[in-house]
C-alpha cells in the first residue's frame, strides 16, 4: 500500500451539487413540483451521501496518522465500495467485514469484486456476529479476526457523528429551495444530518429501504450524539422497501427504467428508485398539499 497522501485535493467535491427540476405528469397532476438534488455528481468516485459521510471520517483518520480503515457492510454495500475507492485514492489499506460467512470461498459479486479490485481485504462473518458488532467485545473480536486491530473503524453505512455533521452541509445547500427534502435511508445518518441543516419551516422525509421500523430510534440516537439533542423536522415514510434491501422486483425495475427514459437521469436501483417510487405514491395519495415543492436527493449512481 502506498504512503497516505494529503486527503484534501482528493476529498474536494464539486459543491454544491446541482438542483434540477423535472416535469413529470405523475407529480404535476397532484400539484407537486419535483426537483432532484444531483448529489450523484458531487464526486467522481465517492458520489452523494457516501462522500458527505466518508470525507470527515477520512480526514480524521489521516490526521490521526492511521494507515488502515475497517468498515462493515452487506454483499451489495455501496458503502463498502466507496470506502475501498477512498482507500485506493488516499493510499490507505482497507478491510471490509462482510455480513454472511456463507459467502466465503464463493465467487465475488460485482460489488465485492470492485472492492477487492480497489485493494480492500474482505473478511466474511456470520450474520449473528454481524448483528452484534455494536458490542465492544464482539467488535474487538471481529477486528482481530480480520487482522485490523489498530484500524480506524468506520461504522456500517458510514453513519457516526462526524458523518452526520458532514450531511448537515447537504441540508444547508438546500435551505429555502423547497418545502420537503426527501432521501432514501439505510442507516439513517444522511437524514439525521440533512434535517439539521435545513431552514426552519422545511422538513426532511426519509424513505427506509429496509423493513423493521428500527430507523427512527437510530436517527434520534445519531442526532443526540452529533448535536446533543433533536435537530430539525423529519419523518419517515415506511412501507416502500419492496421486500427488503437489494430487492428490485419487476415493477420497481420498470418504474426506474421509465424514469430514466423520461428524464435522462440514471436511477440507482437499491436506494434512489425506492425513493422516487415512494414520492410518486405519496403524491398520488395526497400526502403533499398542492403547491408543494419536493426535492429528492439523488444519493448515488447505478
C-alpha atoms as a PDB file:
ATOM      1  CA  UNK A   1       0.000   0.000   0.000  1.00  0.00           C
ATOM      2  CA  UNK A   2       1.266   3.462  -0.891  1.00  0.00           C
ATOM      3  CA  UNK A   3       2.100   6.062   1.733  1.00  0.00           C
ATOM      4  CA  UNK A   4      -1.005   8.024   2.813  1.00  0.00           C
ATOM      5  CA  UNK A   5      -1.364  11.308   0.964  1.00  0.00           C
ATOM      6  CA  UNK A   6      -2.858  14.689   1.805  1.00  0.00           C
ATOM      7  CA  UNK A   7      -6.585  13.973   1.589  1.00  0.00           C
ATOM      8  CA  UNK A   8      -7.799  17.464   0.734  1.00  0.00           C
ATOM      9  CA  UNK A   9      -7.289  17.522  -3.065  1.00  0.00           C
ATOM     10  CA  UNK A  10      -8.878  14.079  -3.417  1.00  0.00           C
ATOM     11  CA  UNK A  11     -11.723  14.744  -0.993  1.00  0.00           C
ATOM     12  CA  UNK A  12     -12.606  18.078  -2.502  1.00  0.00           C
ATOM     13  CA  UNK A  13     -16.065  17.701  -4.057  1.00  0.00           C
ATOM     14  CA  UNK A  14     -17.766  19.755  -6.706  1.00  0.00           C
ATOM     15  CA  UNK A  15     -20.168  21.546  -4.362  1.00  0.00           C
ATOM     16  CA  UNK A  16     -22.812  22.471  -4.279  1.00  0.00           C
ATOM     17  CA  UNK A  17     -24.241  19.679  -6.406  1.00  0.00           C
ATOM     18  CA  UNK A  18     -26.815  20.991  -8.882  1.00  0.00           C
ATOM     19  CA  UNK A  19     -30.576  21.029  -8.376  1.00  0.00           C
ATOM     20  CA  UNK A  20     -32.590  20.036 -11.432  1.00  0.00           C
ATOM     21  CA  UNK A  21     -36.353  20.452 -11.794  1.00  0.00           C
ATOM     22  CA  UNK A  22     -38.114  17.744 -13.799  1.00  0.00           C
ATOM     23  CA  UNK A  23     -41.576  17.903 -15.339  1.00  0.00           C
ATOM     24  CA  UNK A  24     -43.345  14.664 -14.504  1.00  0.00           C
ATOM     25  CA  UNK A  25     -47.082  14.282 -15.028  1.00  0.00           C
ATOM     26  CA  UNK A  26     -47.403  11.923 -12.043  1.00  0.00           C
ATOM     27  CA  UNK A  27     -46.437  14.811  -9.788  1.00  0.00           C
ATOM     28  CA  UNK A  28     -47.881  17.698 -11.798  1.00  0.00           C
ATOM     29  CA  UNK A  29     -51.415  16.311 -11.746  1.00  0.00           C
ATOM     30  CA  UNK A  30     -51.163  16.310  -7.939  1.00  0.00           C
ATOM     31  CA  UNK A  31     -49.945  19.913  -7.879  1.00  0.00           C
ATOM     32  CA  UNK A  32     -46.437  18.926  -6.757  1.00  0.00           C
ATOM     33  CA  UNK A  33     -43.154  20.248  -8.175  1.00  0.00           C
ATOM     34  CA  UNK A  34     -40.351  17.687  -8.257  1.00  0.00           C
ATOM     35  CA  UNK A  35     -36.715  18.754  -8.035  1.00  0.00           C
ATOM     36  CA  UNK A  36     -33.668  16.489  -7.989  1.00  0.00           C
ATOM     37  CA  UNK A  37     -30.599  17.285  -5.875  1.00  0.00           C
ATOM     38  CA  UNK A  38     -27.952  15.680  -8.081  1.00  0.00           C
ATOM     39  CA  UNK A  39     -25.604  14.586  -5.323  1.00  0.00           C
ATOM     40  CA  UNK A  40     -24.574  11.722  -7.576  1.00  0.00           C
ATOM     41  CA  UNK A  41     -22.385  14.356  -9.270  1.00  0.00           C
ATOM     42  CA  UNK A  42     -20.638  15.629  -6.127  1.00  0.00           C
ATOM     43  CA  UNK A  43     -17.503  13.472  -6.555  1.00  0.00           C
ATOM     44  CA  UNK A  44     -16.404  11.216  -9.435  1.00  0.00           C
ATOM     45  CA  UNK A  45     -15.625   8.176  -7.251  1.00  0.00           C
ATOM     46  CA  UNK A  46     -17.368   8.900  -3.941  1.00  0.00           C
ATOM     47  CA  UNK A  47     -20.782  10.114  -5.074  1.00  0.00           C
ATOM     48  CA  UNK A  48     -23.550  11.552  -2.974  1.00  0.00           C
ATOM     49  CA  UNK A  49     -24.009  10.753   0.663  1.00  0.00           C
ATOM     50  CA  UNK A  50     -21.008   8.421   0.553  1.00  0.00           C
ATOM     51  CA  UNK A  51     -18.732  11.420   0.017  1.00  0.00           C
ATOM     52  CA  UNK A  52     -20.567  13.515   2.610  1.00  0.00           C
ATOM     53  CA  UNK A  53     -20.302  10.797   5.274  1.00  0.00           C
ATOM     54  CA  UNK A  54     -16.854   9.444   4.443  1.00  0.00           C
ATOM     55  CA  UNK A  55     -14.946  12.683   3.871  1.00  0.00           C
ATOM     56  CA  UNK A  56     -14.953  13.874   7.515  1.00  0.00           C
ATOM     57  CA  UNK A  57     -14.037  10.385   8.719  1.00  0.00           C
ATOM     58  CA  UNK A  58     -11.202  10.130   6.212  1.00  0.00           C
ATOM     59  CA  UNK A  59      -9.835  13.500   7.294  1.00  0.00           C
ATOM     60  CA  UNK A  60      -9.929  12.348  10.921  1.00  0.00           C
ATOM     61  CA  UNK A  61      -8.196   9.063  10.082  1.00  0.00           C
ATOM     62  CA  UNK A  62      -5.375  10.742   8.159  1.00  0.00           C
ATOM     63  CA  UNK A  63      -4.964  13.447  10.827  1.00  0.00           C
ATOM     64  CA  UNK A  64      -4.596  10.710  13.449  1.00  0.00           C
ATOM     65  CA  UNK A  65      -1.855   9.026  11.417  1.00  0.00           C
ATOM     66  CA  UNK A  66      -3.968   5.961  10.635  1.00  0.00           C
ATOM     67  CA  UNK A  67      -2.867   3.806   7.729  1.00  0.00           C
ATOM     68  CA  UNK A  68      -5.813   1.391   7.634  1.00  0.00           C
ATOM     69  CA  UNK A  69      -9.600   1.698   7.575  1.00  0.00           C
ATOM     70  CA  UNK A  70     -12.005  -1.037   8.655  1.00  0.00           C
ATOM     71  CA  UNK A  71     -15.716  -0.948   7.981  1.00  0.00           C
ATOM     72  CA  UNK A  72     -18.815  -3.104   7.609  1.00  0.00           C
ATOM     73  CA  UNK A  73     -21.447  -3.924   5.012  1.00  0.00           C
ATOM     74  CA  UNK A  74     -23.508  -6.495   3.211  1.00  0.00           C
ATOM     75  CA  UNK A  75     -22.651  -8.192  -0.050  1.00  0.00           C
ATOM     76  CA  UNK A  76     -24.103  -5.319  -2.108  1.00  0.00           C
ATOM     77  CA  UNK A  77     -22.984  -2.431   0.087  1.00  0.00           C
ATOM     78  CA  UNK A  78     -22.395   0.886  -1.679  1.00  0.00           C
ATOM     79  CA  UNK A  79     -20.576   1.977   1.462  1.00  0.00           C
ATOM     80  CA  UNK A  80     -18.012  -0.824   1.152  1.00  0.00           C
ATOM     81  CA  UNK A  81     -17.363   0.143  -2.459  1.00  0.00           C
ATOM     82  CA  UNK A  82     -16.948   3.809  -1.569  1.00  0.00           C
ATOM     83  CA  UNK A  83     -14.573   3.021   1.307  1.00  0.00           C
ATOM     84  CA  UNK A  84     -12.464   0.784  -0.911  1.00  0.00           C
ATOM     85  CA  UNK A  85     -12.253   3.528  -3.553  1.00  0.00           C
ATOM     86  CA  UNK A  86     -11.329   6.100  -0.908  1.00  0.00           C
ATOM     87  CA  UNK A  87      -8.560   3.850   0.383  1.00  0.00           C
ATOM     88  CA  UNK A  88      -7.135   3.498  -3.087  1.00  0.00           C
ATOM     89  CA  UNK A  89      -7.258   7.257  -3.665  1.00  0.00           C
ATOM     90  CA  UNK A  90      -5.649   8.093  -0.324  1.00  0.00           C
ATOM     91  CA  UNK A  91      -3.116   5.269  -0.135  1.00  0.00           C
ATOM     92  CA  UNK A  92      -4.811   3.672   2.881  1.00  0.00           C
ATOM     93  CA  UNK A  93      -5.294  -0.037   3.427  1.00  0.00           C
ATOM     94  CA  UNK A  94      -8.956  -1.049   3.765  1.00  0.00           C
ATOM     95  CA  UNK A  95     -10.680  -4.010   5.374  1.00  0.00           C
ATOM     96  CA  UNK A  96     -14.323  -4.832   4.737  1.00  0.00           C
ATOM     97  CA  UNK A  97     -16.105  -7.007   7.296  1.00  0.00           C
ATOM     98  CA  UNK A  98     -18.919  -8.540   5.272  1.00  0.00           C
ATOM     99  CA  UNK A  99     -22.212  -9.942   6.556  1.00  0.00           C
ATOM    100  CA  UNK A 100     -22.612 -13.611   5.567  1.00  0.00           C
ATOM    101  CA  UNK A 101     -19.989 -16.231   6.408  1.00  0.00           C
ATOM    102  CA  UNK A 102     -21.575 -18.483   3.787  1.00  0.00           C
ATOM    103  CA  UNK A 103     -20.169 -16.162   1.090  1.00  0.00           C
ATOM    104  CA  UNK A 104     -16.568 -17.035   1.960  1.00  0.00           C
ATOM    105  CA  UNK A 105     -14.974 -19.042  -0.819  1.00  0.00           C
ATOM    106  CA  UNK A 106     -17.747 -18.247  -3.302  1.00  0.00           C
ATOM    107  CA  UNK A 107     -17.216 -16.140  -6.428  1.00  0.00           C
ATOM    108  CA  UNK A 108     -17.482 -12.441  -5.592  1.00  0.00           C
ATOM    109  CA  UNK A 109     -20.446 -10.494  -6.907  1.00  0.00           C
ATOM    110  CA  UNK A 110     -19.793  -7.323  -8.912  1.00  0.00           C
ATOM    111  CA  UNK A 111     -19.895  -5.083  -5.820  1.00  0.00           C
ATOM    112  CA  UNK A 112     -17.427  -7.123  -3.774  1.00  0.00           C
ATOM    113  CA  UNK A 113     -15.222  -7.724  -6.812  1.00  0.00           C
ATOM    114  CA  UNK A 114     -14.943  -3.946  -7.212  1.00  0.00           C
ATOM    115  CA  UNK A 115     -13.976  -3.652  -3.546  1.00  0.00           C
ATOM    116  CA  UNK A 116     -11.262  -6.273  -3.990  1.00  0.00           C
ATOM    117  CA  UNK A 117     -10.001  -4.615  -7.175  1.00  0.00           C
ATOM    118  CA  UNK A 118      -9.602  -1.381  -5.209  1.00  0.00           C
ATOM    119  CA  UNK A 119      -7.443  -3.214  -2.675  1.00  0.00           C
ATOM    120  CA  UNK A 120      -9.961  -3.957   0.067  1.00  0.00           C
ATOM    121  CA  UNK A 121      -9.315  -7.096   2.103  1.00  0.00           C
ATOM    122  CA  UNK A 122     -12.644  -8.853   2.626  1.00  0.00           C
ATOM    123  CA  UNK A 123     -13.440 -10.789   5.795  1.00  0.00           C
ATOM    124  CA  UNK A 124     -16.748 -12.670   5.963  1.00  0.00           C
ATOM    125  CA  UNK A 125     -18.511 -13.169   9.307  1.00  0.00           C
ATOM    126  CA  UNK A 126     -21.632 -14.929  10.489  1.00  0.00           C
ATOM    127  CA  UNK A 127     -24.871 -12.998  10.459  1.00  0.00           C
ATOM    128  CA  UNK A 128     -25.182 -13.470  14.202  1.00  0.00           C
ATOM    129  CA  UNK A 129     -21.786 -11.896  14.893  1.00  0.00           C
ATOM    130  CA  UNK A 130     -22.530  -9.142  12.399  1.00  0.00           C
ATOM    131  CA  UNK A 131     -25.719  -8.184  14.254  1.00  0.00           C
ATOM    132  CA  UNK A 132     -23.730  -7.885  17.479  1.00  0.00           C
ATOM    133  CA  UNK A 133     -20.910  -5.762  16.055  1.00  0.00           C
ATOM    134  CA  UNK A 134     -22.042  -2.818  18.187  1.00  0.00           C
ATOM    135  CA  UNK A 135     -20.999  -4.702  21.346  1.00  0.00           C
ATOM    136  CA  UNK A 136     -17.408  -3.705  22.228  1.00  0.00           C
ATOM    137  CA  UNK A 137     -16.196  -7.239  22.908  1.00  0.00           C
ATOM    138  CA  UNK A 138     -17.724  -8.571  19.683  1.00  0.00           C
ATOM    139  CA  UNK A 139     -16.302  -5.663  17.680  1.00  0.00           C
ATOM    140  CA  UNK A 140     -12.829  -6.288  19.110  1.00  0.00           C
ATOM    141  CA  UNK A 141     -13.085  -9.980  18.226  1.00  0.00           C
ATOM    142  CA  UNK A 142     -14.223  -9.245  14.664  1.00  0.00           C
ATOM    143  CA  UNK A 143     -11.423  -6.744  14.105  1.00  0.00           C
ATOM    144  CA  UNK A 144      -8.834  -9.129  15.489  1.00  0.00           C
ATOM    145  CA  UNK A 145     -10.066 -11.961  13.286  1.00  0.00           C
ATOM    146  CA  UNK A 146      -9.874  -9.643  10.267  1.00  0.00           C
ATOM    147  CA  UNK A 147      -6.312  -8.578  11.161  1.00  0.00           C
ATOM    148  CA  UNK A 148      -7.479  -4.995  11.687  1.00  0.00           C
ATOM    149  CA  UNK A 149      -6.935  -4.439  15.427  1.00  0.00           C
ATOM    150  CA  UNK A 150      -5.434  -0.964  15.053  1.00  0.00           C
ATOM    151  CA  UNK A 151      -7.524   0.255  12.141  1.00  0.00           C
ATOM    152  CA  UNK A 152      -9.670   3.397  12.111  1.00  0.00           C
ATOM    153  CA  UNK A 153     -13.203   1.997  12.295  1.00  0.00           C
ATOM    154  CA  UNK A 154     -15.953   3.496  10.154  1.00  0.00           C
ATOM    155  CA  UNK A 155     -19.380   2.108  11.101  1.00  0.00           C
ATOM    156  CA  UNK A 156     -21.782   0.375   8.746  1.00  0.00           C
ATOM    157  CA  UNK A 157     -23.107   2.874   6.228  1.00  0.00           C
ATOM    158  CA  UNK A 158     -20.549   5.406   7.457  1.00  0.00           C
ATOM    159  CA  UNK A 159     -23.059   6.801   9.961  1.00  0.00           C
ATOM    160  CA  UNK A 160     -21.475   8.367  13.050  1.00  0.00           C
ATOM    161  CA  UNK A 161     -21.407  11.914  14.498  1.00  0.00           C
ATOM    162  CA  UNK A 162     -18.722  13.062  12.051  1.00  0.00           C
ATOM    163  CA  UNK A 163     -20.799  11.779   9.144  1.00  0.00           C
ATOM    164  CA  UNK A 164     -23.950  13.445  10.465  1.00  0.00           C
ATOM    165  CA  UNK A 165     -22.163  16.802  10.579  1.00  0.00           C
ATOM    166  CA  UNK A 166     -20.988  16.181   7.011  1.00  0.00           C
ATOM    167  CA  UNK A 167     -24.566  15.582   5.882  1.00  0.00           C
ATOM    168  CA  UNK A 168     -25.768  18.745   7.603  1.00  0.00           C
ATOM    169  CA  UNK A 169     -23.977  20.628   4.830  1.00  0.00           C
ATOM    170  CA  UNK A 170     -26.334  18.943   2.359  1.00  0.00           C
ATOM    171  CA  UNK A 171     -29.251  20.496   4.220  1.00  0.00           C
ATOM    172  CA  UNK A 172     -27.602  23.913   4.252  1.00  0.00           C
ATOM    173  CA  UNK A 173     -27.183  23.727   0.469  1.00  0.00           C
ATOM    174  CA  UNK A 174     -30.945  23.160   0.163  1.00  0.00           C
ATOM    175  CA  UNK A 175     -32.161  25.879   2.505  1.00  0.00           C
ATOM    176  CA  UNK A 176     -35.182  27.662   1.123  1.00  0.00           C
ATOM    177  CA  UNK A 177     -35.303  25.710  -2.126  1.00  0.00           C
ATOM    178  CA  UNK A 178     -38.331  23.522  -1.407  1.00  0.00           C
ATOM    179  CA  UNK A 179     -40.852  22.604   1.261  1.00  0.00           C
ATOM    180  CA  UNK A 180     -39.804  18.960   1.679  1.00  0.00           C
ATOM    181  CA  UNK A 181     -36.439  17.326   1.047  1.00  0.00           C
ATOM    182  CA  UNK A 182     -36.593  13.547   0.724  1.00  0.00           C
ATOM    183  CA  UNK A 183     -33.828  10.959   0.879  1.00  0.00           C
ATOM    184  CA  UNK A 184     -33.619   7.168   0.896  1.00  0.00           C
ATOM    185  CA  UNK A 185     -32.374   5.762   4.208  1.00  0.00           C
ATOM    186  CA  UNK A 186     -30.256   2.763   5.115  1.00  0.00           C
ATOM    187  CA  UNK A 187     -28.618   3.552   8.444  1.00  0.00           C
ATOM    188  CA  UNK A 188     -30.179   6.994   8.947  1.00  0.00           C
ATOM    189  CA  UNK A 189     -27.053   9.156   9.055  1.00  0.00           C
ATOM    190  CA  UNK A 190     -27.872  11.181   5.962  1.00  0.00           C
ATOM    191  CA  UNK A 191     -31.382  12.031   7.172  1.00  0.00           C
ATOM    192  CA  UNK A 192     -30.100  12.905  10.657  1.00  0.00           C
ATOM    193  CA  UNK A 193     -27.701  15.487   9.216  1.00  0.00           C
ATOM    194  CA  UNK A 194     -29.947  16.682   6.396  1.00  0.00           C
ATOM    195  CA  UNK A 195     -32.744  17.613   8.805  1.00  0.00           C
ATOM    196  CA  UNK A 196     -30.331  19.554  10.985  1.00  0.00           C
ATOM    197  CA  UNK A 197     -29.069  21.624   8.065  1.00  0.00           C
ATOM    198  CA  UNK A 198     -32.418  22.643   6.583  1.00  0.00           C
ATOM    199  CA  UNK A 199     -34.025  26.002   7.310  1.00  0.00           C
ATOM    200  CA  UNK A 200     -36.905  26.407   9.779  1.00  0.00           C
ATOM    201  CA  UNK A 201     -40.157  25.502   8.036  1.00  0.00           C
ATOM    202  CA  UNK A 202     -38.570  22.903   5.782  1.00  0.00           C
ATOM    203  CA  UNK A 203     -38.893  19.230   6.628  1.00  0.00           C
ATOM    204  CA  UNK A 204     -36.816  16.188   5.780  1.00  0.00           C
ATOM    205  CA  UNK A 205     -38.543  12.976   4.726  1.00  0.00           C
ATOM    206  CA  UNK A 206     -36.770   9.631   4.887  1.00  0.00           C
ATOM    207  CA  UNK A 207     -37.722   6.546   2.885  1.00  0.00           C
ATOM    208  CA  UNK A 208     -36.257   3.435   4.571  1.00  0.00           C
ATOM    209  CA  UNK A 209     -35.024   0.784   2.139  1.00  0.00           C
ATOM    210  CA  UNK A 210     -35.172  -1.896   4.843  1.00  0.00           C
ATOM    211  CA  UNK A 211     -38.234  -3.063   6.735  1.00  0.00           C
ATOM    212  CA  UNK A 212     -38.283  -3.327  10.503  1.00  0.00           C
ATOM    213  CA  UNK A 213     -39.261   0.035  11.954  1.00  0.00           C
ATOM    214  CA  UNK A 214     -35.947   0.452  13.779  1.00  0.00           C
ATOM    215  CA  UNK A 215     -34.687   3.540  11.993  1.00  0.00           C
ATOM    216  CA  UNK A 216     -36.399   6.304  13.983  1.00  0.00           C
ATOM    217  CA  UNK A 217     -34.563   5.331  17.160  1.00  0.00           C
ATOM    218  CA  UNK A 218     -31.265   5.197  15.247  1.00  0.00           C
ATOM    219  CA  UNK A 219     -31.783   8.709  13.854  1.00  0.00           C
ATOM    220  CA  UNK A 220     -32.642  10.108  17.275  1.00  0.00           C
ATOM    221  CA  UNK A 221     -29.501   8.471  18.698  1.00  0.00           C
ATOM    222  CA  UNK A 222     -27.301   9.863  15.909  1.00  0.00           C
ATOM    223  CA  UNK A 223     -28.655  13.392  16.426  1.00  0.00           C
ATOM    224  CA  UNK A 224     -28.143  13.104  20.171  1.00  0.00           C
ATOM    225  CA  UNK A 225     -24.510  12.085  19.663  1.00  0.00           C
ATOM    226  CA  UNK A 226     -23.851  14.677  16.947  1.00  0.00           C
ATOM    227  CA  UNK A 227     -25.786  17.703  18.203  1.00  0.00           C
ATOM    228  CA  UNK A 228     -26.693  16.911  21.798  1.00  0.00           C
ATOM    229  CA  UNK A 229     -30.390  16.512  21.017  1.00  0.00           C
ATOM    230  CA  UNK A 230     -33.075  16.657  18.289  1.00  0.00           C
ATOM    231  CA  UNK A 231     -32.311  18.846  15.298  1.00  0.00           C
ATOM    232  CA  UNK A 232     -34.683  19.887  12.527  1.00  0.00           C
ATOM    233  CA  UNK A 233     -38.015  18.473  11.468  1.00  0.00           C
ATOM    234  CA  UNK A 234     -38.041  14.980   9.975  1.00  0.00           C
ATOM    235  CA  UNK A 235     -40.300  11.983   9.484  1.00  0.00           C
ATOM    236  CA  UNK A 236     -40.161   8.547   7.865  1.00  0.00           C
ATOM    237  CA  UNK A 237     -42.331   7.076   5.098  1.00  0.00           C
ATOM    238  CA  UNK A 238     -42.336   3.352   5.836  1.00  0.00           C
ATOM    239  CA  UNK A 239     -43.579   0.573   3.586  1.00  0.00           C
ATOM    240  CA  UNK A 240     -41.556   1.236   0.450  1.00  0.00           C
ATOM    241  CA  UNK A 241     -38.763  -1.331   0.953  1.00  0.00           C
ATOM    242  CA  UNK A 242     -40.155  -3.564  -1.840  1.00  0.00           C
ATOM    243  CA  UNK A 243     -39.407  -6.745   0.056  1.00  0.00           C
ATOM    244  CA  UNK A 244     -36.095  -5.809   1.644  1.00  0.00           C
ATOM    245  CA  UNK A 245     -32.657  -4.422   0.971  1.00  0.00           C
ATOM    246  CA  UNK A 246     -31.301  -5.076  -2.550  1.00  0.00           C
ATOM    247  CA  UNK A 247     -34.719  -6.389  -3.657  1.00  0.00           C
ATOM    248  CA  UNK A 248     -35.686  -4.891  -7.001  1.00  0.00           C
ATOM    249  CA  UNK A 249     -38.940  -6.508  -8.143  1.00  0.00           C
ATOM    250  CA  UNK A 250     -40.075  -6.185 -11.738  1.00  0.00           C
ATOM    251  CA  UNK A 251     -42.456  -3.302 -11.047  1.00  0.00           C
ATOM    252  CA  UNK A 252     -39.716  -1.231  -9.402  1.00  0.00           C
ATOM    253  CA  UNK A 253     -37.289  -2.010 -12.225  1.00  0.00           C
ATOM    254  CA  UNK A 254     -39.874  -0.892 -14.776  1.00  0.00           C
ATOM    255  CA  UNK A 255     -40.550   2.310 -12.824  1.00  0.00           C
ATOM    256  CA  UNK A 256     -36.831   3.135 -12.644  1.00  0.00           C
ATOM    257  CA  UNK A 257     -36.272   2.431 -16.338  1.00  0.00           C
ATOM    258  CA  UNK A 258     -39.269   4.609 -17.222  1.00  0.00           C
ATOM    259  CA  UNK A 259     -37.986   7.477 -15.054  1.00  0.00           C
ATOM    260  CA  UNK A 260     -34.589   7.248 -16.781  1.00  0.00           C
ATOM    261  CA  UNK A 261     -36.240   7.324 -20.206  1.00  0.00           C
ATOM    262  CA  UNK A 262     -38.458  10.295 -19.321  1.00  0.00           C
ATOM    263  CA  UNK A 263     -35.827  12.480 -17.704  1.00  0.00           C
ATOM    264  CA  UNK A 264     -32.385  11.244 -18.774  1.00  0.00           C
ATOM    265  CA  UNK A 265     -31.320  10.779 -15.161  1.00  0.00           C
ATOM    266  CA  UNK A 266     -29.605   7.498 -14.198  1.00  0.00           C
ATOM    267  CA  UNK A 267     -31.539   5.837 -11.360  1.00  0.00           C
ATOM    268  CA  UNK A 268     -29.668   3.710  -8.821  1.00  0.00           C
ATOM    269  CA  UNK A 269     -31.993   0.811  -8.013  1.00  0.00           C
ATOM    270  CA  UNK A 270     -31.431  -0.085  -4.334  1.00  0.00           C
ATOM    271  CA  UNK A 271     -31.943   3.384  -2.843  1.00  0.00           C
ATOM    272  CA  UNK A 272     -32.907   6.026  -5.390  1.00  0.00           C
ATOM    273  CA  UNK A 273     -35.543   4.004  -7.251  1.00  0.00           C
ATOM    274  CA  UNK A 274     -37.360   3.277  -3.975  1.00  0.00           C
ATOM    275  CA  UNK A 275     -37.200   6.953  -3.040  1.00  0.00           C
ATOM    276  CA  UNK A 276     -38.702   8.133  -6.323  1.00  0.00           C
ATOM    277  CA  UNK A 277     -41.365   5.402  -6.265  1.00  0.00           C
ATOM    278  CA  UNK A 278     -42.339   6.442  -2.732  1.00  0.00           C
ATOM    279  CA  UNK A 279     -42.603  10.115  -3.660  1.00  0.00           C
ATOM    280  CA  UNK A 280     -44.818   9.327  -6.666  1.00  0.00           C
ATOM    281  CA  UNK A 281     -47.058   7.129  -4.494  1.00  0.00           C
ATOM    282  CA  UNK A 282     -47.251   9.722  -1.717  1.00  0.00           C
ATOM    283  CA  UNK A 283     -48.110  12.469  -4.211  1.00  0.00           C
ATOM    284  CA  UNK A 284     -50.892  10.296  -5.617  1.00  0.00           C
ATOM    285  CA  UNK A 285     -52.258   9.730  -2.095  1.00  0.00           C
ATOM    286  CA  UNK A 286     -52.378  13.476  -1.437  1.00  0.00           C
ATOM    287  CA  UNK A 287     -49.611  13.394   1.176  1.00  0.00           C
ATOM    288  CA  UNK A 288     -48.233  16.682  -0.173  1.00  0.00           C
ATOM    289  CA  UNK A 289     -50.504  19.762  -0.295  1.00  0.00           C
ATOM    290  CA  UNK A 290     -50.996  21.198  -3.750  1.00  0.00           C
ATOM    291  CA  UNK A 291     -48.293  23.745  -4.488  1.00  0.00           C
ATOM    292  CA  UNK A 292     -45.660  21.802  -2.555  1.00  0.00           C
ATOM    293  CA  UNK A 293     -42.119  21.650  -3.915  1.00  0.00           C
ATOM    294  CA  UNK A 294     -40.350  18.376  -3.129  1.00  0.00           C
ATOM    295  CA  UNK A 295     -36.624  17.834  -3.607  1.00  0.00           C
ATOM    296  CA  UNK A 296     -35.412  14.246  -3.973  1.00  0.00           C
ATOM    297  CA  UNK A 297     -31.747  13.739  -3.069  1.00  0.00           C
ATOM    298  CA  UNK A 298     -30.086  11.522  -5.672  1.00  0.00           C
ATOM    299  CA  UNK A 299     -27.540   9.875  -3.425  1.00  0.00           C
ATOM    300  CA  UNK A 300     -25.708   7.640  -5.872  1.00  0.00           C
ATOM    301  CA  UNK A 301     -25.298   6.264  -9.361  1.00  0.00           C
ATOM    302  CA  UNK A 302     -26.269   2.872 -10.742  1.00  0.00           C
END
